[in-house]
Protein backbone atom coordinates (compact mmCIF):
# COMPACT_ATOMS: atom_id res chain seq x y z
CA MET A 1 5.62 -11.65 24.58
CA ASN A 2 7.04 -8.24 23.74
CA ILE A 3 9.96 -8.06 26.18
CA PHE A 4 10.39 -4.34 25.66
CA ARG A 5 6.75 -3.58 26.36
CA HIS A 6 6.89 -5.91 29.39
CA PHE A 7 9.76 -3.95 30.89
CA GLU A 8 8.14 -0.66 30.02
CA GLU A 9 5.27 -1.81 32.24
CA ARG A 10 7.76 -2.83 34.96
CA VAL A 11 9.40 0.60 34.78
CA LYS A 12 6.01 2.28 35.17
CA ALA A 13 5.20 -0.05 38.08
CA GLY A 14 8.46 1.01 39.72
CA LEU A 15 7.53 4.66 39.26
CA GLU A 16 4.11 4.05 40.80
CA ALA A 17 5.85 2.50 43.79
CA LEU A 18 8.08 5.57 44.11
CA ALA A 19 5.01 7.80 43.91
CA SER A 20 3.29 5.83 46.65
CA GLU A 21 6.40 6.29 48.82
CA GLY A 22 6.32 10.06 48.22
CA VAL A 23 9.60 10.09 46.27
CA ILE A 24 7.90 11.58 43.19
CA PRO A 25 4.47 13.18 42.70
CA PRO A 26 1.64 10.87 41.61
CA GLY A 27 0.01 11.12 38.17
CA LEU A 28 3.08 12.09 36.13
CA ASP A 29 2.80 11.76 32.35
CA THR A 30 4.67 8.58 31.43
CA SER A 31 3.83 8.59 27.71
CA ARG A 32 7.39 9.57 26.70
CA ILE A 33 9.03 6.72 28.57
CA ALA A 34 10.79 4.27 26.26
CA VAL A 35 12.53 0.96 26.80
CA GLU A 36 14.92 0.21 23.94
CA PRO A 37 18.14 -1.64 23.20
CA PRO A 38 21.09 0.52 24.33
CA ARG A 39 23.13 2.10 21.56
CA ASP A 40 26.20 0.30 22.87
CA PRO A 41 25.37 -3.42 23.35
CA SER A 42 28.12 -3.66 25.98
CA HIS A 43 25.91 -1.57 28.29
CA GLY A 44 23.31 -4.34 28.57
CA ASP A 45 20.15 -5.63 26.96
CA LEU A 46 17.67 -2.84 27.68
CA SER A 47 17.85 0.88 28.38
CA THR A 48 15.20 3.28 29.62
CA ASN A 49 15.01 7.07 29.56
CA ALA A 50 12.42 7.19 32.38
CA ALA A 51 14.54 9.20 34.81
CA MET A 52 15.52 11.66 32.08
CA VAL A 53 11.98 12.50 30.96
CA LEU A 54 10.39 12.55 34.44
CA ALA A 55 13.08 14.31 36.46
CA LYS A 56 11.91 17.87 35.70
CA PRO A 57 8.17 17.32 36.31
CA ALA A 58 9.05 15.26 39.39
CA GLY A 59 11.27 18.06 40.74
CA VAL A 60 14.33 15.84 41.26
CA GLN A 61 17.70 15.41 39.60
CA PRO A 62 17.76 12.78 36.80
CA ARG A 63 20.59 10.85 38.42
CA GLN A 64 18.84 10.83 41.78
CA LEU A 65 15.60 9.53 40.24
CA ALA A 66 17.54 6.96 38.22
CA GLU A 67 19.13 5.58 41.40
CA LYS A 68 15.74 5.23 43.09
CA LEU A 69 14.16 3.57 40.06
CA ALA A 70 17.18 1.32 39.49
CA ALA A 71 16.77 -0.03 43.02
CA LYS A 72 13.19 -1.04 42.18
CA LEU A 73 14.18 -2.70 38.90
CA SER A 74 17.04 -4.64 40.46
CA GLY A 75 14.43 -6.68 42.27
CA GLU A 76 13.02 -8.08 39.03
CA GLU A 77 13.67 -11.83 38.88
CA SER A 78 14.82 -11.82 35.26
CA VAL A 79 17.29 -8.93 35.75
CA THR A 80 20.92 -9.79 36.51
CA GLU A 81 22.41 -6.30 36.47
CA VAL A 82 21.22 -2.69 36.66
CA SER A 83 23.52 0.23 35.90
CA ILE A 84 23.18 3.97 35.39
CA ALA A 85 24.89 5.67 32.47
CA GLY A 86 25.45 9.34 31.69
CA PRO A 87 23.06 11.79 33.31
CA GLY A 88 20.43 9.16 34.11
CA PHE A 89 19.89 6.37 31.57
CA ILE A 90 19.14 3.07 33.27
CA ASN A 91 20.58 -0.05 31.63
CA LEU A 92 19.41 -3.57 32.37
CA ARG A 93 21.01 -6.91 31.69
CA LEU A 94 18.66 -9.89 31.54
CA LYS A 95 19.05 -13.58 32.20
CA PRO A 96 19.46 -15.48 28.90
CA ASP A 97 16.35 -17.50 29.76
CA MET A 98 14.28 -14.34 29.39
CA TRP A 99 15.29 -14.17 25.74
CA ARG A 100 15.11 -17.92 25.15
CA ALA A 101 11.52 -17.94 26.38
CA ALA A 102 10.54 -16.17 23.17
CA LEU A 103 11.26 -19.28 21.10
CA PRO A 104 8.34 -21.44 22.33
CA ALA A 105 6.07 -18.41 21.96
CA ILE A 106 7.16 -18.01 18.35
CA LEU A 107 6.68 -21.71 17.65
CA ARG A 108 3.16 -21.52 19.06
CA SER A 109 2.32 -18.38 17.06
CA GLY A 110 3.94 -19.31 13.76
CA ALA A 111 3.83 -16.60 11.11
CA THR A 112 1.31 -14.63 13.21
CA TYR A 113 4.13 -13.82 15.66
CA GLY A 114 4.43 -10.12 16.38
CA ALA A 115 0.71 -9.39 16.12
CA SER A 116 -0.56 -7.14 18.90
CA ASP A 117 -3.52 -5.10 20.11
CA LEU A 118 -1.63 -1.82 20.00
CA GLY A 119 -4.12 -0.37 17.50
CA LYS A 120 -7.15 -1.34 19.62
CA ASN A 121 -9.25 -1.78 16.44
CA GLU A 122 -8.94 1.94 15.67
CA ARG A 123 -10.11 2.54 12.11
CA VAL A 124 -7.45 3.87 9.73
CA ASN A 125 -7.97 4.94 6.12
CA VAL A 126 -4.90 4.43 3.92
CA GLU A 127 -5.27 6.03 0.51
CA TYR A 128 -2.55 5.06 -1.93
CA VAL A 129 -1.79 4.84 -5.65
CA SER A 130 -4.73 7.06 -6.77
CA ALA A 131 -3.14 7.34 -10.21
CA ASN A 132 -5.07 9.34 -12.79
CA PRO A 133 -7.19 6.87 -14.80
CA THR A 134 -5.59 7.84 -18.09
CA GLY A 135 -3.48 4.76 -18.81
CA PRO A 136 -1.67 1.78 -17.34
CA MET A 137 0.31 2.21 -14.17
CA HIS A 138 3.92 3.17 -14.76
CA VAL A 139 7.06 2.62 -12.71
CA GLY A 140 6.52 5.95 -10.95
CA HIS A 141 3.41 4.51 -9.30
CA VAL A 142 5.03 1.29 -8.11
CA ARG A 143 6.77 2.59 -5.02
CA GLY A 144 3.70 4.30 -3.59
CA ALA A 145 1.58 1.25 -4.36
CA VAL A 146 3.92 -1.11 -2.53
CA PHE A 147 4.53 1.31 0.34
CA GLY A 148 0.82 1.92 0.92
CA ASP A 149 -0.06 -1.75 0.79
CA ALA A 150 2.75 -2.76 3.15
CA LEU A 151 1.76 0.03 5.54
CA ALA A 152 -1.83 -1.24 5.55
CA ASN A 153 -0.55 -4.75 6.32
CA LEU A 154 1.64 -3.38 9.10
CA LEU A 155 -1.21 -1.47 10.73
CA GLU A 156 -3.44 -4.54 10.60
CA LYS A 157 -0.65 -6.55 12.24
CA VAL A 158 -0.81 -4.34 15.32
CA GLY A 159 -4.58 -4.38 15.62
CA HIS A 160 -5.92 -1.53 13.48
CA THR A 161 -8.95 -1.89 11.27
CA VAL A 162 -7.68 -0.67 7.92
CA CYS A 163 -9.46 0.52 4.78
CA ARG A 164 -7.34 0.44 1.62
CA GLU A 165 -8.66 3.20 -0.63
CA TYR A 166 -8.02 4.48 -4.13
CA TYR A 167 -9.19 7.96 -5.11
CA ILE A 168 -10.16 8.09 -8.78
CA ASN A 169 -9.32 11.50 -10.22
CA ASP A 170 -12.02 11.29 -12.86
CA ALA A 171 -13.27 14.88 -12.94
CA GLY A 172 -10.34 16.92 -14.23
CA GLY A 173 -9.13 18.16 -17.57
CA GLN A 174 -6.97 15.07 -18.07
CA ILE A 175 -10.17 13.02 -18.39
CA GLU A 176 -11.30 15.17 -21.30
CA VAL A 177 -7.92 14.53 -22.93
CA LEU A 178 -8.38 10.80 -22.33
CA ALA A 179 -11.83 10.82 -23.93
CA ARG A 180 -10.64 12.68 -27.03
CA SER A 181 -7.66 10.31 -27.33
CA ALA A 182 -9.94 7.28 -27.10
CA TYR A 183 -12.29 8.80 -29.66
CA LEU A 184 -9.45 8.96 -32.17
CA ARG A 185 -8.77 5.28 -31.54
CA TYR A 186 -12.48 4.63 -32.07
CA ARG A 187 -12.31 6.30 -35.46
CA GLU A 188 -9.18 4.30 -36.21
CA ALA A 189 -11.10 1.11 -35.39
CA LEU A 190 -13.72 2.19 -37.93
CA GLY A 191 -11.02 2.21 -40.59
CA GLU A 192 -9.90 5.82 -40.62
CA THR A 193 -6.27 6.84 -40.76
CA ILE A 194 -5.56 9.04 -37.76
CA SER A 195 -2.74 11.07 -36.30
CA ILE A 196 -2.42 11.83 -32.60
CA PRO A 197 -2.10 15.60 -32.04
CA GLU A 198 0.31 16.86 -29.43
CA GLY A 199 -1.38 17.01 -26.04
CA LEU A 200 -3.37 13.79 -26.46
CA TYR A 201 -2.35 10.34 -25.22
CA PRO A 202 -0.52 8.37 -27.95
CA GLY A 203 -0.24 4.99 -26.22
CA ASP A 204 -1.41 1.80 -27.94
CA TYR A 205 -3.25 0.86 -24.73
CA LEU A 206 -6.19 2.95 -26.02
CA LYS A 207 -6.61 0.85 -29.16
CA PRO A 208 -8.70 -1.79 -27.32
CA VAL A 209 -10.92 1.00 -26.00
CA GLY A 210 -11.47 2.29 -29.52
CA ALA A 211 -12.22 -1.23 -30.77
CA MET A 212 -14.69 -1.77 -27.92
CA LEU A 213 -16.48 1.49 -28.73
CA ALA A 214 -16.65 0.55 -32.42
CA ALA A 215 -18.05 -2.89 -31.61
CA GLU A 216 -20.66 -1.46 -29.26
CA HIS A 217 -21.72 1.67 -31.16
CA GLY A 218 -20.74 1.06 -34.77
CA ASP A 219 -20.38 4.39 -36.56
CA VAL A 220 -23.09 6.09 -34.50
CA LEU A 221 -20.65 8.06 -32.34
CA ALA A 222 -18.85 9.33 -35.44
CA LYS A 223 -22.08 10.98 -36.59
CA MET A 224 -22.63 12.78 -33.27
CA GLU A 225 -21.54 16.24 -32.22
CA GLU A 226 -18.77 16.33 -29.63
CA ALA A 227 -21.16 17.39 -26.88
CA GLU A 228 -23.07 14.13 -27.48
CA TRP A 229 -20.25 11.61 -27.90
CA LEU A 230 -17.89 13.06 -25.29
CA PRO A 231 -19.73 11.85 -22.15
CA ILE A 232 -20.26 8.39 -23.68
CA VAL A 233 -16.60 8.00 -24.62
CA ARG A 234 -15.45 9.54 -21.34
CA ASN A 235 -17.40 7.06 -19.20
CA ALA A 236 -16.32 4.09 -21.29
CA SER A 237 -12.69 5.22 -21.21
CA ILE A 238 -12.64 5.68 -17.44
CA ASP A 239 -14.16 2.23 -16.90
CA ALA A 240 -11.62 0.67 -19.26
CA MET A 241 -8.67 2.44 -17.64
CA MET A 242 -9.78 1.47 -14.13
CA GLU A 243 -10.07 -2.16 -15.24
CA LEU A 244 -6.54 -1.87 -16.62
CA ILE A 245 -5.27 -0.30 -13.41
CA ARG A 246 -6.94 -2.95 -11.24
CA GLY A 247 -5.17 -5.57 -13.34
CA ASP A 248 -1.85 -3.79 -12.91
CA LEU A 249 -2.34 -3.67 -9.15
CA ALA A 250 -3.29 -7.34 -9.09
CA VAL A 251 0.09 -8.37 -10.49
CA LEU A 252 1.61 -6.69 -7.42
CA GLY A 253 -0.84 -8.48 -5.14
CA ILE A 254 -2.73 -5.26 -4.31
CA ASP A 255 -6.50 -5.11 -3.87
CA HIS A 256 -8.21 -1.95 -2.61
CA GLU A 257 -11.47 -2.25 -0.70
CA VAL A 258 -12.72 1.16 -1.83
CA PHE A 259 -12.44 2.97 -5.15
CA PHE A 260 -13.81 6.48 -4.57
CA SER A 261 -14.81 8.56 -7.59
CA GLU A 262 -14.14 12.30 -7.59
CA ARG A 263 -17.10 12.74 -9.93
CA THR A 264 -19.45 11.64 -7.15
CA LEU A 265 -18.37 14.65 -5.09
CA HIS A 266 -19.34 16.99 -7.92
CA ALA A 267 -22.61 15.22 -8.70
CA SER A 268 -23.80 14.93 -5.10
CA GLY A 269 -23.19 18.55 -4.09
CA ALA A 270 -20.71 17.38 -1.45
CA ILE A 271 -18.20 20.10 -2.41
CA GLU A 272 -20.71 22.90 -1.93
CA ALA A 273 -21.96 21.41 1.34
CA THR A 274 -18.44 21.01 2.75
CA LEU A 275 -17.37 24.53 1.82
CA LYS A 276 -20.58 25.91 3.31
CA LEU A 277 -19.55 24.40 6.65
CA LEU A 278 -16.18 26.12 6.38
CA GLU A 279 -17.93 29.36 5.48
CA GLN A 280 -20.09 29.07 8.58
CA LYS A 281 -16.90 28.72 10.62
CA GLY A 282 -15.66 32.00 9.11
CA LEU A 283 -12.90 30.23 7.20
CA ILE A 284 -13.84 31.26 3.65
CA TYR A 285 -13.61 34.81 2.37
CA THR A 286 -13.10 36.83 -0.81
CA GLY A 287 -9.63 38.30 -1.09
CA VAL A 288 -6.58 38.92 -3.23
CA LEU A 289 -3.53 36.69 -2.79
CA GLU A 290 0.03 37.94 -2.73
CA PRO A 291 1.88 37.26 -6.00
CA PRO A 292 3.86 33.99 -6.15
CA LYS A 293 7.49 34.25 -5.13
CA GLY A 294 10.06 34.31 -7.91
CA GLU A 295 9.22 34.89 -11.57
CA LEU A 296 5.52 35.54 -12.09
CA PRO A 297 3.57 33.23 -14.42
CA ASP A 298 2.40 34.94 -17.60
CA ASP A 299 -1.26 34.44 -16.70
CA TRP A 300 -1.02 35.72 -13.13
CA GLU A 301 -3.09 38.75 -12.20
CA PRO A 302 -4.19 40.16 -8.85
CA ARG A 303 -7.91 39.51 -8.65
CA PRO A 304 -10.52 38.81 -5.99
CA GLN A 305 -10.82 35.08 -5.28
CA THR A 306 -12.73 32.72 -3.01
CA LEU A 307 -10.10 31.76 -0.44
CA PHE A 308 -9.75 29.33 2.47
CA ARG A 309 -8.01 30.62 5.59
CA SER A 310 -5.32 27.97 5.40
CA THR A 311 -2.76 30.09 7.26
CA GLN A 312 -4.94 29.83 10.36
CA PHE A 313 -3.94 26.15 10.49
CA GLY A 314 -0.23 26.38 9.76
CA ASP A 315 -0.10 26.83 5.98
CA ASP A 316 2.16 29.39 4.30
CA THR A 317 -0.63 31.20 2.47
CA ASP A 318 -4.39 31.09 2.14
CA ARG A 319 -5.60 28.91 -0.73
CA ALA A 320 -7.90 29.55 -3.67
CA LEU A 321 -11.05 27.44 -4.02
CA LYS A 322 -12.25 28.68 -7.41
CA LYS A 323 -10.58 29.31 -10.73
CA SER A 324 -11.06 32.45 -12.79
CA ASP A 325 -13.77 30.70 -14.83
CA GLY A 326 -15.78 29.94 -11.69
CA THR A 327 -15.02 26.21 -11.57
CA TRP A 328 -13.50 24.55 -8.51
CA THR A 329 -9.77 24.29 -8.04
CA TYR A 330 -8.36 20.83 -7.29
CA PHE A 331 -8.23 21.81 -3.63
CA ALA A 332 -12.00 22.21 -3.21
CA PRO A 333 -12.98 18.59 -3.98
CA ASP A 334 -9.97 17.40 -1.97
CA ILE A 335 -11.41 19.10 1.11
CA ALA A 336 -14.77 17.45 0.49
CA TYR A 337 -13.14 14.09 -0.10
CA HIS A 338 -11.23 14.11 3.17
CA PHE A 339 -14.33 15.25 5.00
CA ASP A 340 -16.15 12.30 3.47
CA LYS A 341 -13.51 9.97 4.89
CA PHE A 342 -14.00 11.53 8.31
CA ASN A 343 -17.77 11.14 8.05
CA ARG A 344 -17.27 7.47 7.23
CA GLY A 345 -15.71 7.04 10.66
CA TYR A 346 -11.99 7.53 10.03
CA ASN A 347 -10.21 9.83 12.45
CA THR A 348 -6.79 8.65 11.29
CA LEU A 349 -6.08 9.33 7.62
CA ILE A 350 -2.93 8.36 5.76
CA ASP A 351 -2.33 9.60 2.22
CA VAL A 352 0.54 8.21 0.14
CA TRP A 353 1.64 10.70 -2.54
CA GLY A 354 4.31 11.06 -5.16
CA ALA A 355 7.22 13.47 -4.73
CA ASP A 356 5.64 16.01 -7.08
CA HIS A 357 2.82 16.60 -4.57
CA ALA A 358 4.99 17.46 -1.57
CA GLY A 359 4.10 21.16 -1.80
CA TYR A 360 0.43 20.28 -1.37
CA ILE A 361 0.79 18.77 2.11
CA LYS A 362 0.35 21.86 4.30
CA ARG A 363 -2.92 22.93 2.71
CA VAL A 364 -4.47 19.45 3.01
CA LYS A 365 -3.42 19.18 6.65
CA ALA A 366 -4.91 22.61 7.26
CA ALA A 367 -8.15 21.62 5.55
CA VAL A 368 -8.50 18.40 7.56
CA ALA A 369 -7.87 20.25 10.83
CA ALA A 370 -10.44 22.91 9.90
CA ILE A 371 -13.26 20.76 8.58
CA THR A 372 -13.04 18.16 11.38
CA ASP A 373 -12.43 20.66 14.19
CA GLY A 374 -9.14 18.93 14.88
CA LYS A 375 -10.80 15.54 15.49
CA ALA A 376 -9.04 13.86 12.56
CA GLU A 377 -5.33 13.57 11.94
CA ILE A 378 -3.75 13.12 8.54
CA ASP A 379 -0.27 11.82 7.85
CA VAL A 380 0.94 12.37 4.29
CA LYS A 381 3.74 10.03 3.27
CA VAL A 382 5.68 11.14 0.20
CA CYS A 383 7.42 8.52 -1.94
CA GLN A 384 10.44 9.77 -3.80
CA LEU A 385 11.32 8.76 -7.35
CA VAL A 386 12.59 5.36 -8.45
CA ARG A 387 15.57 5.56 -10.79
CA LEU A 388 15.97 2.63 -13.17
CA PHE A 389 19.37 1.12 -13.96
CA ARG A 390 20.78 -1.93 -15.67
CA ASN A 391 24.29 -2.99 -14.63
CA GLY A 392 24.84 0.41 -13.09
CA GLU A 393 23.84 2.39 -16.17
CA PRO A 394 20.67 4.54 -16.35
CA PHE A 395 18.06 2.55 -18.22
CA ARG A 396 14.86 3.22 -20.10
CA MET A 397 12.55 0.65 -21.56
CA SER A 398 10.84 1.29 -24.86
CA LYS A 399 7.31 -0.03 -24.79
CA ARG A 400 4.09 0.59 -26.65
CA ALA A 401 2.39 2.31 -23.72
CA GLY A 402 3.89 5.67 -24.60
CA ASP A 403 6.90 7.45 -23.18
CA PHE A 404 7.08 5.60 -19.88
CA VAL A 405 7.94 2.24 -18.31
CA THR A 406 4.88 0.36 -17.14
CA LEU A 407 4.49 -1.43 -13.84
CA ARG A 408 3.96 -4.67 -15.74
CA ASP A 409 7.24 -4.20 -17.61
CA VAL A 410 9.06 -4.25 -14.29
CA VAL A 411 7.09 -7.10 -12.69
CA ASP A 412 7.33 -9.25 -15.82
CA GLU A 413 11.11 -8.97 -15.79
CA VAL A 414 11.96 -9.55 -12.12
CA GLY A 415 8.79 -10.82 -10.43
CA LYS A 416 6.32 -9.44 -7.90
CA ASP A 417 8.23 -10.40 -4.76
CA VAL A 418 11.47 -8.80 -5.89
CA VAL A 419 9.67 -5.58 -6.82
CA ARG A 420 7.79 -5.38 -3.53
CA PHE A 421 10.81 -6.09 -1.34
CA MET A 422 13.16 -3.76 -3.19
CA MET A 423 10.68 -0.87 -3.05
CA LEU A 424 10.93 -1.05 0.76
CA THR A 425 14.71 -1.15 1.08
CA ARG A 426 14.86 2.63 1.53
CA LYS A 427 12.80 5.03 3.58
CA ASN A 428 9.92 6.33 1.47
CA ASP A 429 11.20 9.91 1.31
CA ALA A 430 14.68 8.92 0.05
CA PRO A 431 15.36 8.30 -3.66
CA LEU A 432 15.61 4.64 -4.61
CA ASP A 433 17.78 3.09 -7.33
CA PHE A 434 16.41 -0.06 -8.96
CA ASP A 435 18.96 -1.99 -11.00
CA PHE A 436 17.41 -4.81 -13.01
CA ALA A 437 20.64 -6.79 -12.91
CA LYS A 438 21.50 -6.31 -9.25
CA VAL A 439 18.04 -7.19 -7.90
CA MET A 440 18.40 -10.63 -9.51
CA GLU A 441 21.92 -11.28 -8.19
CA GLN A 442 22.35 -14.16 -5.76
CA SER A 443 24.61 -12.31 -3.36
CA ARG A 444 24.64 -10.68 0.04
CA ASP A 445 24.43 -7.30 -1.66
CA ASN A 446 20.93 -8.18 -2.86
CA PRO A 447 18.70 -7.87 0.23
CA VAL A 448 15.73 -9.77 -1.17
CA PHE A 449 17.91 -12.75 -2.09
CA TYR A 450 19.76 -12.55 1.23
CA VAL A 451 16.54 -12.75 3.26
CA GLN A 452 14.89 -15.36 1.06
CA TYR A 453 18.05 -17.47 1.12
CA ALA A 454 18.01 -17.47 4.93
CA HIS A 455 14.43 -18.77 4.93
CA ALA A 456 15.22 -21.40 2.28
CA ARG A 457 18.38 -22.51 4.11
CA ILE A 458 16.40 -23.04 7.30
CA HIS A 459 13.87 -25.21 5.50
CA SER A 460 16.72 -27.18 3.94
CA VAL A 461 18.12 -27.89 7.42
CA LEU A 462 14.68 -28.92 8.68
CA ARG A 463 14.21 -31.28 5.73
CA ASN A 464 17.60 -32.84 6.45
CA ALA A 465 16.69 -33.25 10.12
CA LYS A 466 13.40 -34.90 9.24
CA GLU A 467 15.18 -37.33 6.90
CA ALA A 468 17.51 -38.17 9.80
CA GLY A 469 14.52 -39.14 11.90
CA VAL A 470 14.25 -36.02 14.06
CA ASP A 471 10.75 -34.96 15.11
CA ILE A 472 10.61 -31.40 13.82
CA SER A 473 6.99 -30.69 14.79
CA ASP A 474 6.48 -27.37 16.54
CA ASP A 475 5.35 -29.13 19.74
CA SER A 476 8.52 -31.22 19.79
CA LEU A 477 10.77 -28.23 19.17
CA ALA A 478 8.96 -26.07 21.74
CA ALA A 479 9.73 -28.69 24.38
CA ALA A 480 13.47 -28.65 23.62
CA ASN A 481 16.01 -27.80 26.33
CA LEU A 482 16.74 -24.26 25.23
CA THR A 483 19.36 -23.69 27.94
CA LEU A 484 21.68 -25.54 25.56
CA LEU A 485 21.72 -22.41 23.37
CA THR A 486 24.76 -20.78 24.94
CA ASP A 487 26.99 -19.51 22.15
CA GLU A 488 26.95 -15.73 21.85
CA ALA A 489 26.01 -15.95 18.15
CA GLU A 490 23.04 -18.13 19.06
CA LEU A 491 21.93 -15.74 21.80
CA ALA A 492 22.33 -12.78 19.44
CA LEU A 493 19.95 -14.45 16.98
CA VAL A 494 17.50 -15.23 19.79
CA ARG A 495 17.56 -11.60 20.93
CA LEU A 496 16.69 -10.43 17.42
CA LEU A 497 13.77 -12.87 17.29
CA ALA A 498 12.51 -11.76 20.69
CA GLY A 499 12.81 -8.11 19.69
CA PHE A 500 10.76 -8.46 16.52
CA PRO A 501 7.38 -7.49 18.10
CA ARG A 502 8.93 -4.23 19.26
CA GLN A 503 10.23 -3.51 15.76
CA ILE A 504 6.78 -4.13 14.30
CA GLU A 505 5.12 -1.78 16.78
CA GLN A 506 7.71 0.95 16.23
CA ALA A 507 7.35 0.67 12.46
CA ALA A 508 3.56 0.85 12.77
CA VAL A 509 3.61 3.92 15.03
CA ALA A 510 6.05 5.69 12.68
CA HIS A 511 4.14 4.55 9.54
CA GLU A 512 7.44 3.22 8.17
CA PRO A 513 7.21 -0.30 6.72
CA HIS A 514 10.79 -0.11 5.44
CA ARG A 515 11.88 -0.81 9.01
CA ILE A 516 10.58 -4.36 8.60
CA ALA A 517 12.78 -4.89 5.55
CA PHE A 518 15.75 -3.61 7.57
CA ALA A 519 14.90 -5.92 10.48
CA LEU A 520 14.67 -8.91 8.16
CA ASN A 521 18.07 -8.11 6.68
CA ASP A 522 19.58 -7.98 10.19
CA LEU A 523 17.94 -11.28 11.06
CA ALA A 524 19.18 -12.90 7.86
CA ALA A 525 22.70 -11.65 8.58
CA ALA A 526 22.61 -13.15 12.07
CA PHE A 527 21.39 -16.49 10.74
CA HIS A 528 23.91 -16.67 7.87
CA GLY A 529 26.67 -15.70 10.32
CA LEU A 530 25.70 -18.59 12.58
CA TRP A 531 25.54 -20.95 9.60
CA ASN A 532 29.06 -19.95 8.56
CA LYS A 533 30.31 -20.28 12.13
CA GLY A 534 29.00 -23.85 12.16
CA LYS A 535 31.00 -24.61 9.03
CA ASP A 536 34.18 -23.56 10.84
CA GLU A 537 33.24 -25.03 14.23
CA PRO A 538 31.45 -28.42 13.85
CA GLY A 539 30.20 -28.21 17.42
CA LEU A 540 27.96 -25.28 16.40
CA ARG A 541 26.22 -27.01 13.50
CA PHE A 542 22.48 -27.18 13.62
CA ILE A 543 22.31 -30.97 13.36
CA ILE A 544 24.67 -33.03 15.53
CA ALA A 545 23.81 -36.72 15.24
CA GLU A 546 25.20 -37.71 18.65
CA ARG A 547 23.54 -34.77 20.48
CA ARG A 548 19.80 -35.00 19.86
CA ASP A 549 19.09 -32.52 22.70
CA VAL A 550 21.37 -29.85 21.20
CA THR A 551 19.96 -30.53 17.74
CA LEU A 552 16.38 -29.99 18.95
CA ALA A 553 17.31 -26.74 20.68
CA ARG A 554 19.02 -25.37 17.58
CA LEU A 555 16.23 -26.52 15.30
CA ALA A 556 13.76 -24.75 17.59
CA MET A 557 15.83 -21.59 17.21
CA ILE A 558 16.05 -21.65 13.43
CA ARG A 559 12.45 -22.80 13.00
CA ALA A 560 11.47 -19.73 15.03
CA ALA A 561 13.71 -17.63 12.77
CA ALA A 562 11.88 -18.97 9.72
CA TYR A 563 8.53 -18.03 11.25
CA VAL A 564 9.74 -14.50 12.00
CA ILE A 565 11.09 -14.09 8.47
CA ALA A 566 7.77 -15.32 7.08
CA ALA A 567 5.87 -12.92 9.37
CA GLY A 568 7.99 -9.99 8.21
CA LEU A 569 7.71 -10.92 4.55
CA ALA A 570 3.92 -11.18 4.92
CA ILE A 571 3.86 -7.55 6.05
CA LEU A 572 5.86 -6.61 2.96
CA GLY A 573 3.54 -8.71 0.79
CA VAL A 574 6.28 -11.15 -0.22
CA GLU A 575 6.00 -14.94 -0.35
CA PRO A 576 8.77 -16.69 1.64
CA ALA A 577 10.87 -19.14 -0.39
CA GLU A 578 11.43 -22.68 0.88
CA GLU A 579 13.82 -23.50 -1.93
CA MET A 580 16.09 -21.31 -4.05
CA ARG A 581 16.35 -22.12 -7.74
């Protein structure tokens, strides 16, 4: 049970009772009501802002409404104390049994604990990674890949139907560069001595592509004009790079359901059809844009352009849809692509982008609002850069892929689970430092070790209990006398476990999976603190031979903690450790 959601319902029931008594008008909007832990734990277990947000529409003073609502809540069986703080916050203190009751529920649910129907099977499209198919994934892609995948897991946890999607940018000028780079490697495979001109891709990862082309075509391509060999090499290169990228993603445990090709938008006429709809809405016109602010680019000139009325939907300026040579700008197929998502049944769109695309957000939001008539919402999550360090010093790896550090370089050195967890230890829009030495430290300062160690310690205790003849089955532990959990450190751990469903739902609503990593760190700290307390006070140890009843209650508590840690790690895409080596 989600205790916070339960009491949110009780608060709303109390307000309905007040409405029926004529104290407040019926039908007030209660969507902004929240039930949360109070900022100061000394104030109680729960706090609600109900009186604060409803006082004005109800036409009463916040304090007056709080007193009326507090009287209703004081009648709840599980509430021991109701108080009013400040201008009208209502604080509740609960009986410990209300918190303890979460433990059997966790033991019954196992690692599925925290799942809910909040999403009501609403379909959500999460597009992430979408790296240009011009080479292996580098460290700059890792954070967005992990963030997007964890977010998809989080949304599924609360009942959404999620599509994990990758947009293949296979129609731009960088693809022509890729094809010409691969063609040089093809000629190299035929025995020629080549040099890579500036502007082409120098990485050794294209050598296998060249060898594959040589094996399949012999010297036939070398005898063709560029117009003939270019499409053949381009298609082969894209396929090879996407296979490479899929392999890179696999080492992170990431598997997209949909890989959408930009080229299909061009070939199908979807771009023209989408822009025609915008034209029919009066949202496309021919005009001249204001010059860019600051120093003008050398190639800028005021000229008539095909423009989208982006400012009508909150953007800073209208946006060009065609280049001077008559071809589409990047923005045009992006509009068609997002409209395609909408037509596939997704009203909630989430795009995960790199920091260098932040300036593109307003125009895409404007386009989605325009083309869907406001029926679809898009949330663009920007992932800031990852800075690499070793022992506190800036670090660069030198590899054969070119002038960048590959995703596989990082995973090979520290492992998938470490990479995934560490990429979620900061909010996505804050820079993240990744120190190869520190992420492998076995210390409290290393969050992934700290959380994994808590899970492993719990399993060590359970193994010891089993060897001592204790029945550690979930059914046995769920039947334990939990009223024996009375120490404040024990109750603090139980409160964290009981509050986990709320943290999952809040993280899902905010589209912020890093909150789960934070919650796991807090849970690990509470467990380790209790472990250390037991070392100093033998009466608080988890296994007490002469007190089987106390032992079962404490084992139930820590077994529940292990399940919650495993549930949280599953959202992050990390395997829980049962032993630390």
